[in-house]
Amino acid sequence: MKTVPRTTPYYWQGEWVDEQEAGRRLGGLGGILPALPGPLHAEHVLAACGRLAALLADRDGDTYRRLFADLTDPVTTALPAADAELALAGLAAALAPEPLGAQLVAELGGTAPHRPVAAHFAQDALELWQPIGTLVHIAPRNVAVGGVLSVVEGLLAGNVNIVKTSGRDGLFTQHALAALADADPSGQLRGRLVVLRFPSRDTAWLRELCRPADAVAVWGTEEAVEGVARFLPPGCRLVEWGPKISFAYLDRTGARQDEGALRALARDILRNGQRTCTSPQVVYVDTADRQALFAEAGALADALSQEAAGFPALPRETAEQAEITNVVTVAHLEEHLGLTRTFRAPDGSWHVLADTRSALTASPLFGTVWVKPLPREDIVRVLHPMRRYLQTVGLHAAGSDTVALATEFFRAGALRVVELGTMLETYAGEPHDGQLALQRYSRRVSIRPTAGRA
């Protein structure tokens, strides 16, 4: 695969172009779709994904080494080697044709959603899925493979995909999507891919990026979503993959201080520095007793101490470290009021902050987790005010209580309930933030044949 210097970080339908050329072409983004010879069928995407997945299984191959270098680049993504290996293994697994085919079936009804089928409620009508058209992706910074997988979903739905990565990002997304295009001998994927790298403060480019869009998928904070939304043309669909917060819940029916469960929870906390929406930021304990709360926090600290060696510390920016220091310092000072108790690793790689107040509180991440009381009778009352932000619940409870507790969390606004140790895992066709991505990237259309009518 061609190596591209950082002075030319723009991938445009199979070509690598410099900033001047990308700027010249930017006004023509809306002409890409009309110039294509025909629709993109999902089987081409599945085949290309399968070929790229095979390349990612070869650690000595050029593709793997190029993407590994992008992920571990100390100037940009700066992932530890072990995390880069996990990210590439996860990407390879996600690109396997079997789970992608299952996702097509689960979300669009089959692996050929472009083929008409009889409408359920009209004998003389046909329905089918069609691409939304030109789909712009504002890729996330916190999950390196997130932009790639969003584009794969856009391709499965048949769209032209325009991707914006952060001006501080490396070229992982560009190189990964170029490799995917190269894995399609038909060339159809190549014509539907443009990847640009520039900062969001460059509003002139952002405006031109959004101008031809039929839908814009934004991964990021509320500020990021608002910053992009003001450039959307009338009628453009905004697909928000916005900020969410996840937490664990230790129910009274589960074994208290269950070492296996707590070590599984510790792994959920330590993976990826808590930078994914499914990572637990708070651990709720089904108790109103202060001493029981502090004991559970101490047991979790022991579990983190045992698991931390398997998770290399991620680099932290100055502002990120400052936030951790500030939050931990305040929690430590509140110990004198009897409100908190703090536990920390000697090297500062993790912190457990036990707090007697139940309100959901975001963590400063990087192994920092709150432990708070929440009797099961108060789940909806306490959590419902934050319902728009709740995502995953890692639940430790007796099996007979799982459904009843899940119902309470869903009433409060949560979107997923899973077993501890699996909070960051997903399955083919699983809803994302309560939505089905392929449907959000598609249109449902209908045909009523006129043949045989007077």
Protein backbone atom coordinates (compact mmCIF):
# COMPACT_ATOMS: atom_id res chain seq x y z
CA MET A 1 0.00 0.00 0.00
CA LYS A 2 1.31 3.44 -0.93
CA THR A 3 2.84 5.42 1.94
CA VAL A 4 1.64 9.00 2.05
CA PRO A 5 3.54 11.83 3.74
CA ARG A 6 1.60 13.95 6.19
CA THR A 7 1.68 16.88 3.78
CA THR A 8 -0.84 15.05 1.59
CA PRO A 9 -3.40 13.53 3.97
CA TYR A 10 -6.36 13.51 1.56
CA TYR A 11 -7.76 10.36 -0.04
CA TRP A 12 -10.08 11.12 -2.94
CA GLN A 13 -11.73 8.24 -4.82
CA GLY A 14 -8.55 6.20 -4.98
CA GLU A 15 -6.13 9.12 -5.36
CA TRP A 16 -3.86 10.76 -2.80
CA VAL A 17 -4.01 14.51 -3.25
CA ASP A 18 -2.45 17.49 -1.51
CA GLU A 19 -4.31 20.25 0.31
CA GLN A 20 -4.46 22.57 -2.68
CA GLU A 21 -5.99 19.91 -4.91
CA ALA A 22 -8.44 18.80 -2.20
CA GLY A 23 -9.56 22.40 -1.75
CA ARG A 24 -10.06 22.73 -5.50
CA ARG A 25 -12.23 19.58 -5.60
CA LEU A 26 -14.20 20.35 -2.45
CA GLY A 27 -16.94 22.26 -4.26
CA GLY A 28 -17.56 19.25 -6.49
CA LEU A 29 -18.47 16.74 -3.78
CA GLY A 30 -22.12 16.91 -4.82
CA GLY A 31 -21.21 15.67 -8.29
CA ILE A 32 -19.79 12.34 -7.14
CA LEU A 33 -23.08 10.46 -6.82
CA PRO A 34 -24.62 11.52 -10.18
CA ALA A 35 -21.41 10.50 -11.97
CA LEU A 36 -21.44 6.93 -10.66
CA PRO A 37 -22.49 4.28 -13.20
CA GLY A 38 -25.01 2.50 -10.98
CA PRO A 39 -25.88 1.30 -7.48
CA LEU A 40 -23.46 -0.40 -5.12
CA HIS A 41 -24.59 -3.87 -4.12
CA ALA A 42 -23.84 -5.18 -0.65
CA GLU A 43 -22.11 -8.31 -1.93
CA HIS A 44 -19.21 -6.20 -3.25
CA VAL A 45 -18.81 -4.58 0.18
CA LEU A 46 -18.96 -7.91 2.00
CA ALA A 47 -16.34 -9.43 -0.29
CA ALA A 48 -13.96 -6.47 0.11
CA CYS A 49 -14.39 -6.50 3.87
CA GLY A 50 -13.57 -10.20 3.93
CA ARG A 51 -10.38 -9.63 1.96
CA LEU A 52 -9.27 -6.79 4.25
CA ALA A 53 -10.06 -8.89 7.33
CA ALA A 54 -7.73 -11.58 5.93
CA LEU A 55 -4.97 -9.00 5.41
CA LEU A 56 -5.37 -7.84 9.01
CA ALA A 57 -4.84 -11.41 10.17
CA ASP A 58 -1.31 -11.33 8.71
CA ARG A 59 0.82 -9.42 11.21
CA ASP A 60 3.83 -9.52 8.89
CA GLY A 61 1.92 -8.07 5.95
CA ASP A 62 2.30 -4.51 4.67
CA THR A 63 -1.32 -3.58 5.45
CA TYR A 64 -1.11 -4.68 9.08
CA ARG A 65 2.25 -2.99 9.63
CA ARG A 66 1.07 0.28 8.07
CA LEU A 67 -2.07 0.44 10.20
CA PHE A 68 -0.22 -0.65 13.32
CA ALA A 69 2.28 2.16 12.76
CA ASP A 70 -0.58 4.65 12.39
CA LEU A 71 -2.18 3.54 15.65
CA THR A 72 1.07 3.63 17.63
CA ASP A 73 2.32 6.90 16.12
CA PRO A 74 3.42 8.86 19.24
CA VAL A 75 2.55 12.20 17.63
CA THR A 76 -1.09 11.35 16.88
CA THR A 77 -3.07 8.29 18.03
CA ALA A 78 -0.30 7.08 20.38
CA LEU A 79 -1.88 3.77 21.34
CA PRO A 80 0.27 1.30 23.29
CA ALA A 81 1.29 -1.68 21.16
CA ALA A 82 -1.04 -4.05 23.01
CA ASP A 83 -4.03 -1.75 22.49
CA ALA A 84 -3.16 -1.29 18.80
CA GLU A 85 -3.09 -5.06 18.40
CA LEU A 86 -6.48 -5.35 20.10
CA ALA A 87 -7.91 -2.58 17.90
CA LEU A 88 -6.74 -4.29 14.70
CA ALA A 89 -7.98 -7.67 15.88
CA GLY A 90 -11.35 -6.10 16.69
CA LEU A 91 -11.46 -4.42 13.28
CA ALA A 92 -10.67 -7.71 11.54
CA ALA A 93 -13.45 -9.45 13.47
CA ALA A 94 -15.92 -6.67 12.69
CA LEU A 95 -15.09 -6.84 8.96
CA ALA A 96 -15.74 -10.57 8.66
CA PRO A 97 -18.54 -11.14 6.12
CA GLU A 98 -20.55 -13.32 8.51
CA PRO A 99 -21.29 -10.65 11.17
CA LEU A 100 -21.79 -7.96 8.52
CA GLY A 101 -24.22 -10.21 6.67
CA ALA A 102 -26.03 -10.86 9.94
CA GLN A 103 -26.25 -7.10 10.49
CA LEU A 104 -27.78 -6.62 7.05
CA VAL A 105 -30.38 -9.28 7.82
CA ALA A 106 -31.13 -7.85 11.27
CA GLU A 107 -31.40 -4.21 10.15
CA LEU A 108 -32.45 -4.25 6.49
CA GLY A 109 -34.12 -7.63 6.25
CA GLY A 110 -31.57 -9.43 4.06
CA THR A 111 -28.17 -9.34 2.39
CA ALA A 112 -29.69 -7.84 -0.77
CA PRO A 113 -31.87 -5.02 0.64
CA HIS A 114 -31.99 -3.30 -2.75
CA ARG A 115 -34.25 -6.04 -4.13
CA PRO A 116 -37.99 -5.28 -3.93
CA VAL A 117 -40.16 -7.38 -1.63
CA ALA A 118 -43.91 -7.45 -1.18
CA ALA A 119 -45.19 -4.79 1.20
CA HIS A 120 -46.70 -6.20 4.38
CA PHE A 121 -49.92 -4.23 4.25
CA ALA A 122 -50.56 -3.75 0.53
CA GLN A 123 -50.96 -6.64 -1.91
CA ASP A 124 -50.09 -4.56 -4.96
CA ALA A 125 -47.03 -2.72 -3.58
CA LEU A 126 -43.33 -3.51 -3.34
CA GLU A 127 -40.83 -2.05 -0.88
CA LEU A 128 -37.05 -1.89 -0.77
CA TRP A 129 -34.21 -0.08 0.95
CA GLN A 130 -32.22 2.55 -0.92
CA PRO A 131 -29.14 4.53 0.14
CA ILE A 132 -29.70 7.93 1.70
CA GLY A 133 -27.33 9.27 -0.99
CA THR A 134 -24.28 11.29 0.03
CA LEU A 135 -23.38 10.48 3.62
CA VAL A 136 -20.86 12.59 5.54
CA HIS A 137 -19.13 11.08 8.59
CA ILE A 138 -17.56 13.27 11.26
CA ALA A 139 -15.29 10.56 12.68
CA PRO A 140 -14.68 10.16 16.43
CA ARG A 141 -11.27 10.82 17.98
CA ASN A 142 -11.69 8.52 20.98
CA VAL A 143 -12.12 5.24 19.05
CA ALA A 144 -9.58 4.82 16.28
CA VAL A 145 -11.59 2.30 14.27
CA GLY A 146 -14.92 4.10 14.76
CA GLY A 147 -14.76 6.14 11.57
CA VAL A 148 -13.82 3.09 9.50
CA LEU A 149 -16.73 1.03 10.82
CA SER A 150 -19.17 3.89 10.30
CA VAL A 151 -18.08 4.09 6.67
CA VAL A 152 -18.42 0.32 6.24
CA GLU A 153 -22.04 0.67 7.38
CA GLY A 154 -22.47 3.55 4.95
CA LEU A 155 -21.13 1.37 2.14
CA LEU A 156 -23.38 -1.55 3.11
CA ALA A 157 -26.30 0.83 2.72
CA GLY A 158 -24.93 1.82 -0.72
CA ASN A 159 -23.95 5.43 -0.03
CA VAL A 160 -21.25 7.77 -1.22
CA ASN A 161 -19.17 8.34 1.93
CA ILE A 162 -17.31 11.54 2.73
CA VAL A 163 -15.24 11.32 5.92
CA LYS A 164 -13.77 14.09 8.03
CA THR A 165 -11.10 13.17 10.56
CA SER A 166 -9.65 15.52 13.14
CA GLY A 167 -6.76 17.77 12.23
CA ARG A 168 -4.84 16.12 15.09
CA ASP A 169 -5.52 12.57 13.90
CA GLY A 170 -3.02 10.42 12.05
CA LEU A 171 -3.76 8.68 8.78
CA PHE A 172 -5.23 5.46 10.15
CA THR A 173 -8.72 6.09 8.75
CA GLN A 174 -7.32 7.09 5.36
CA HIS A 175 -5.05 4.07 5.09
CA ALA A 176 -7.68 1.62 6.33
CA LEU A 177 -10.31 2.83 3.87
CA ALA A 178 -7.78 2.91 1.04
CA ALA A 179 -6.94 -0.72 1.84
CA LEU A 180 -10.65 -1.55 1.82
CA ALA A 181 -11.06 0.10 -1.59
CA ASP A 182 -8.02 -1.78 -2.91
CA ALA A 183 -9.64 -5.03 -1.75
CA ASP A 184 -12.55 -4.46 -4.15
CA PRO A 185 -11.49 -5.47 -7.68
CA SER A 186 -14.66 -3.95 -9.15
CA GLY A 187 -13.55 -0.45 -8.15
CA GLN A 188 -17.04 0.40 -6.94
CA LEU A 189 -15.96 1.15 -3.37
CA ARG A 190 -13.15 3.42 -4.49
CA GLY A 191 -15.55 5.73 -6.28
CA ARG A 192 -17.62 6.15 -3.13
CA LEU A 193 -14.87 7.16 -0.71
CA VAL A 194 -13.38 10.54 0.12
CA VAL A 195 -11.42 11.03 3.36
CA LEU A 196 -10.33 14.51 4.46
CA ARG A 197 -8.33 15.57 7.51
CA PHE A 198 -8.82 19.09 8.81
CA PRO A 199 -9.74 20.84 12.09
CA SER A 200 -13.39 21.70 12.79
CA ARG A 201 -12.41 25.32 13.26
CA ASP A 202 -11.91 25.46 9.48
CA THR A 203 -15.56 26.36 8.95
CA ALA A 204 -15.15 27.13 5.24
CA TRP A 205 -14.18 23.51 4.55
CA LEU A 206 -16.80 22.20 6.97
CA ARG A 207 -19.51 24.18 5.19
CA GLU A 208 -18.45 22.81 1.79
CA LEU A 209 -18.30 19.32 3.25
CA CYS A 210 -21.90 19.47 4.46
CA ARG A 211 -23.38 21.34 1.50
CA PRO A 212 -24.11 18.25 -0.69
CA ALA A 213 -24.94 15.93 2.22
CA ASP A 214 -28.18 13.95 2.39
CA ALA A 215 -27.19 12.83 5.89
CA VAL A 216 -24.40 13.69 8.31
CA ALA A 217 -23.31 11.24 10.99
CA VAL A 218 -21.57 13.01 13.87
CA TRP A 219 -19.59 11.13 16.50
CA GLY A 220 -18.67 13.32 19.44
CA THR A 221 -19.73 15.68 22.18
CA GLU A 222 -22.81 17.88 22.24
CA GLU A 223 -20.57 20.77 21.25
CA ALA A 224 -19.30 18.80 18.25
CA VAL A 225 -22.84 17.97 17.15
CA GLU A 226 -23.96 21.59 17.50
CA GLY A 227 -20.88 22.79 15.65
CA VAL A 228 -21.72 20.63 12.64
CA ALA A 229 -25.52 20.97 12.74
CA ARG A 230 -25.45 24.66 11.85
CA PHE A 231 -23.93 23.81 8.46
CA LEU A 232 -26.51 21.22 7.43
CA PRO A 233 -28.62 22.07 4.36
CA PRO A 234 -32.44 21.96 4.66
CA GLY A 235 -33.79 18.42 4.68
CA CYS A 236 -30.43 16.87 5.55
CA ARG A 237 -30.72 14.04 8.10
CA LEU A 238 -28.59 14.54 11.22
CA VAL A 239 -27.46 11.21 12.68
CA GLU A 240 -26.17 11.88 16.18
CA TRP A 241 -23.88 9.37 17.79
CA GLY A 242 -23.48 11.68 20.73
CA PRO A 243 -21.97 11.47 24.21
CA LYS A 244 -23.22 8.70 26.47
CA ILE A 245 -22.32 7.49 29.94
CA SER A 246 -22.27 3.89 31.15
CA PHE A 247 -22.12 2.36 34.60
CA ALA A 248 -22.04 -0.92 36.48
CA TYR A 249 -24.58 -2.10 39.04
CA LEU A 250 -23.86 -4.53 41.86
CA ASP A 251 -27.25 -5.80 43.00
CA ARG A 252 -27.96 -7.20 46.45
CA THR A 253 -28.90 -10.55 44.87
CA GLY A 254 -25.36 -10.96 43.48
CA ALA A 255 -22.59 -12.25 45.73
CA ARG A 256 -21.07 -9.30 47.58
CA GLN A 257 -17.40 -8.68 46.73
CA ASP A 258 -17.45 -11.52 44.17
CA GLU A 259 -13.78 -11.53 43.12
CA GLY A 260 -14.45 -12.89 39.64
CA ALA A 261 -17.15 -10.33 38.92
CA LEU A 262 -15.07 -7.45 40.29
CA ARG A 263 -12.04 -8.44 38.22
CA ALA A 264 -14.25 -8.59 35.12
CA LEU A 265 -15.52 -5.11 36.01
CA ALA A 266 -11.93 -3.93 36.50
CA ARG A 267 -11.11 -5.05 32.96
CA ASP A 268 -14.09 -3.08 31.65
CA ILE A 269 -12.76 -0.01 33.48
CA LEU A 270 -9.17 -0.36 32.28
CA ARG A 271 -9.80 -1.16 28.61
CA ASN A 272 -9.13 1.76 26.27
CA GLY A 273 -8.77 4.19 29.17
CA GLN A 274 -12.59 4.36 29.57
CA ARG A 275 -12.71 6.40 26.35
CA THR A 276 -15.60 4.50 24.77
CA CYS A 277 -19.22 5.24 25.56
CA THR A 278 -19.72 1.70 26.87
CA SER A 279 -16.95 1.98 29.47
CA PRO A 280 -18.16 2.19 33.10
CA GLN A 281 -17.60 5.56 34.72
CA VAL A 282 -19.66 4.83 37.84
CA VAL A 283 -20.21 1.66 39.85
CA TYR A 284 -23.51 1.66 41.71
CA VAL A 285 -23.93 -0.58 44.74
CA ASP A 286 -27.38 -1.74 45.83
CA THR A 287 -27.08 -0.43 49.37
CA ALA A 288 -27.77 2.59 51.55
CA ASP A 289 -25.12 1.59 54.11
CA ARG A 290 -21.99 3.76 54.09
CA GLN A 291 -19.65 1.07 55.40
CA ALA A 292 -20.93 -1.51 52.90
CA LEU A 293 -20.29 1.03 50.14
CA PHE A 294 -16.73 1.70 51.27
CA ALA A 295 -16.04 -2.03 51.61
CA GLU A 296 -17.22 -2.64 48.04
CA ALA A 297 -15.03 0.22 46.80
CA GLY A 298 -12.03 -1.31 48.57
CA ALA A 299 -12.72 -4.68 46.98
CA LEU A 300 -12.92 -3.03 43.54
CA ALA A 301 -9.60 -1.29 44.23
CA ASP A 302 -8.05 -4.69 44.97
CA ALA A 303 -9.42 -6.02 41.68
CA LEU A 304 -8.03 -3.05 39.74
CA SER A 305 -4.65 -3.58 41.39
CA GLN A 306 -4.65 -7.20 40.21
CA GLU A 307 -5.71 -6.40 36.65
CA ALA A 308 -3.83 -3.16 35.98
CA ALA A 309 -0.58 -4.83 34.89
CA GLY A 310 -2.34 -6.20 31.81
CA PHE A 311 -3.30 -2.74 30.59
CA PRO A 312 -0.45 -0.36 29.69
CA ALA A 313 -1.07 3.22 30.79
CA LEU A 314 -2.33 5.45 28.00
CA PRO A 315 -0.71 8.85 27.45
CA ARG A 316 -2.70 11.74 28.92
CA GLU A 317 -2.76 15.30 27.72
CA THR A 318 -1.99 18.00 30.27
CA ALA A 319 -5.66 19.03 30.54
CA GLU A 320 -6.75 15.41 31.03
CA GLN A 321 -4.24 14.84 33.83
CA ALA A 322 -5.20 18.14 35.42
CA GLU A 323 -8.87 17.11 35.50
CA ILE A 324 -8.01 13.78 37.13
CA THR A 325 -5.87 15.53 39.74
CA ASN A 326 -8.59 18.06 40.49
CA VAL A 327 -11.38 15.48 40.86
CA VAL A 328 -9.28 13.16 43.01
CA THR A 329 -8.08 16.03 45.22
CA VAL A 330 -11.63 17.25 45.90
CA ALA A 331 -12.79 13.70 46.66
CA HIS A 332 -9.87 13.26 49.06
CA LEU A 333 -10.67 16.52 50.87
CA GLU A 334 -14.31 15.44 51.27
CA GLU A 335 -13.16 12.42 53.24
CA HIS A 336 -12.90 14.79 56.21
CA LEU A 337 -16.66 15.40 55.91
CA GLY A 338 -17.41 11.69 55.85
CA LEU A 339 -18.74 11.93 52.29
CA THR A 340 -16.06 10.01 50.42
CA ARG A 341 -13.23 7.53 50.61
CA THR A 342 -10.51 7.33 47.99
CA PHE A 343 -8.27 4.50 46.79
CA ARG A 344 -5.47 4.86 44.24
CA ALA A 345 -2.69 2.97 42.53
CA PRO A 346 0.81 3.95 43.67
CA ASP A 347 1.61 5.04 40.12
CA GLY A 348 -1.71 6.85 39.63
CA SER A 349 -2.85 4.44 36.90
CA TRP A 350 -6.28 4.02 38.52
CA HIS A 351 -8.43 5.67 41.18
CA VAL A 352 -11.55 4.49 43.01
CA LEU A 353 -13.64 7.33 44.44
CA ALA A 354 -16.34 6.12 46.85
CA ASP A 355 -19.03 8.78 47.26
CA THR A 356 -22.07 8.52 49.53
CA ARG A 357 -24.14 10.70 47.15
CA SER A 358 -26.08 8.82 44.47
CA ALA A 359 -26.21 11.38 41.67
CA LEU A 360 -24.65 10.15 38.41
CA THR A 361 -21.27 11.85 37.99
CA ALA A 362 -19.05 11.65 34.92
CA SER A 363 -15.54 10.33 35.48
CA PRO A 364 -12.35 12.04 34.27
CA LEU A 365 -11.54 8.60 32.76
CA PHE A 366 -8.16 6.85 32.49
CA GLY A 367 -8.98 4.31 35.22
CA THR A 368 -10.87 6.72 37.47
CA VAL A 369 -14.23 5.36 38.63
CA TRP A 370 -16.89 6.51 41.09
CA VAL A 371 -18.54 4.05 43.48
CA LYS A 372 -21.94 5.24 44.70
CA PRO A 373 -24.97 3.86 46.57
CA LEU A 374 -28.20 3.16 44.71
CA PRO A 375 -30.82 0.94 46.33
CA ARG A 376 -32.77 -0.82 43.61
CA GLU A 377 -35.98 0.90 44.70
CA ASP A 378 -34.44 4.25 43.69
CA ILE A 379 -33.07 3.32 40.25
CA VAL A 380 -35.61 5.21 38.15
CA ARG A 381 -35.87 8.21 40.49
CA VAL A 382 -32.11 8.79 40.57
CA LEU A 383 -31.21 7.99 36.97
CA HIS A 384 -34.20 9.28 34.98
CA PRO A 385 -33.02 12.94 34.98
CA MET A 386 -29.95 11.75 32.98
CA ARG A 387 -31.96 9.51 30.63
CA ARG A 388 -30.70 11.16 27.42
CA TYR A 389 -27.14 10.22 28.28
CA LEU A 390 -27.47 6.69 29.65
CA GLN A 391 -26.14 3.85 27.56
CA THR A 392 -24.73 0.57 28.94
CA VAL A 393 -25.33 -1.06 32.31
CA GLY A 394 -22.93 -3.78 33.43
CA LEU A 395 -25.10 -5.84 35.78
CA HIS A 396 -24.07 -8.23 38.54
CA ALA A 397 -27.18 -9.92 39.94
CA ALA A 398 -28.81 -13.28 40.37
CA GLY A 399 -30.07 -14.60 37.05
CA SER A 400 -33.66 -14.62 38.26
CA ASP A 401 -33.50 -10.85 38.88
CA THR A 402 -31.82 -9.82 35.63
CA VAL A 403 -34.97 -9.11 33.59
CA ALA A 404 -36.70 -7.21 36.40
CA LEU A 405 -33.66 -5.03 36.98
CA ALA A 406 -33.10 -4.51 33.25
CA THR A 407 -36.69 -3.26 33.01
CA GLU A 408 -35.97 -0.66 35.69
CA PHE A 409 -32.84 0.51 33.89
CA PHE A 410 -34.73 0.75 30.59
CA ARG A 411 -37.43 2.79 32.34
CA ALA A 412 -34.69 5.11 33.54
CA GLY A 413 -33.39 5.53 29.97
CA ALA A 414 -30.54 3.01 29.59
CA LEU A 415 -30.09 1.28 26.24
CA ARG A 416 -28.07 -1.89 26.99
CA VAL A 417 -27.81 -4.26 29.94
CA VAL A 418 -24.92 -6.73 29.82
CA GLU A 419 -22.82 -8.96 32.05
CA LEU A 420 -19.76 -7.51 33.75
CA GLY A 421 -16.66 -8.02 31.65
CA THR A 422 -18.57 -7.61 28.38
CA MET A 423 -19.52 -3.93 28.52
CA LEU A 424 -17.31 -3.01 25.56
CA GLU A 425 -18.38 -5.98 23.44
CA THR A 426 -21.12 -5.98 20.83
CA TYR A 427 -22.81 -8.36 18.42
CA ALA A 428 -23.82 -8.21 14.79
CA GLY A 429 -26.96 -6.15 14.33
CA GLU A 430 -27.00 -4.82 17.90
CA PRO A 431 -28.67 -1.38 18.09
CA HIS A 432 -26.26 1.49 18.65
CA ASP A 433 -27.52 4.13 21.08
CA GLY A 434 -31.00 2.66 20.64
CA GLN A 435 -30.91 2.96 16.85
CA LEU A 436 -30.14 0.73 13.86
CA ALA A 437 -27.31 2.36 11.93
CA LEU A 438 -28.06 0.85 8.53
CA GLN A 439 -31.64 2.11 8.67
CA ARG A 440 -30.44 5.59 9.62
CA TYR A 441 -28.14 5.50 6.59
CA SER A 442 -30.95 4.37 4.26
CA ARG A 443 -34.40 5.26 2.88
CA ARG A 444 -37.36 2.90 2.70
CA VAL A 445 -39.05 3.34 -0.68
CA SER A 446 -42.07 1.75 -2.34
CA ILE A 447 -43.29 0.82 -5.82
CA ARG A 448 -46.88 0.34 -6.91
CA PRO A 449 -46.75 -1.29 -10.38
CA THR A 450 -49.15 0.06 -12.98
CA ALA A 451 -48.99 -2.88 -15.39
CA GLY A 452 -52.44 -4.27 -16.27
CA ARG A 453 -54.35 -1.19 -15.09
CA ALA A 454 -56.72 0.69 -17.36
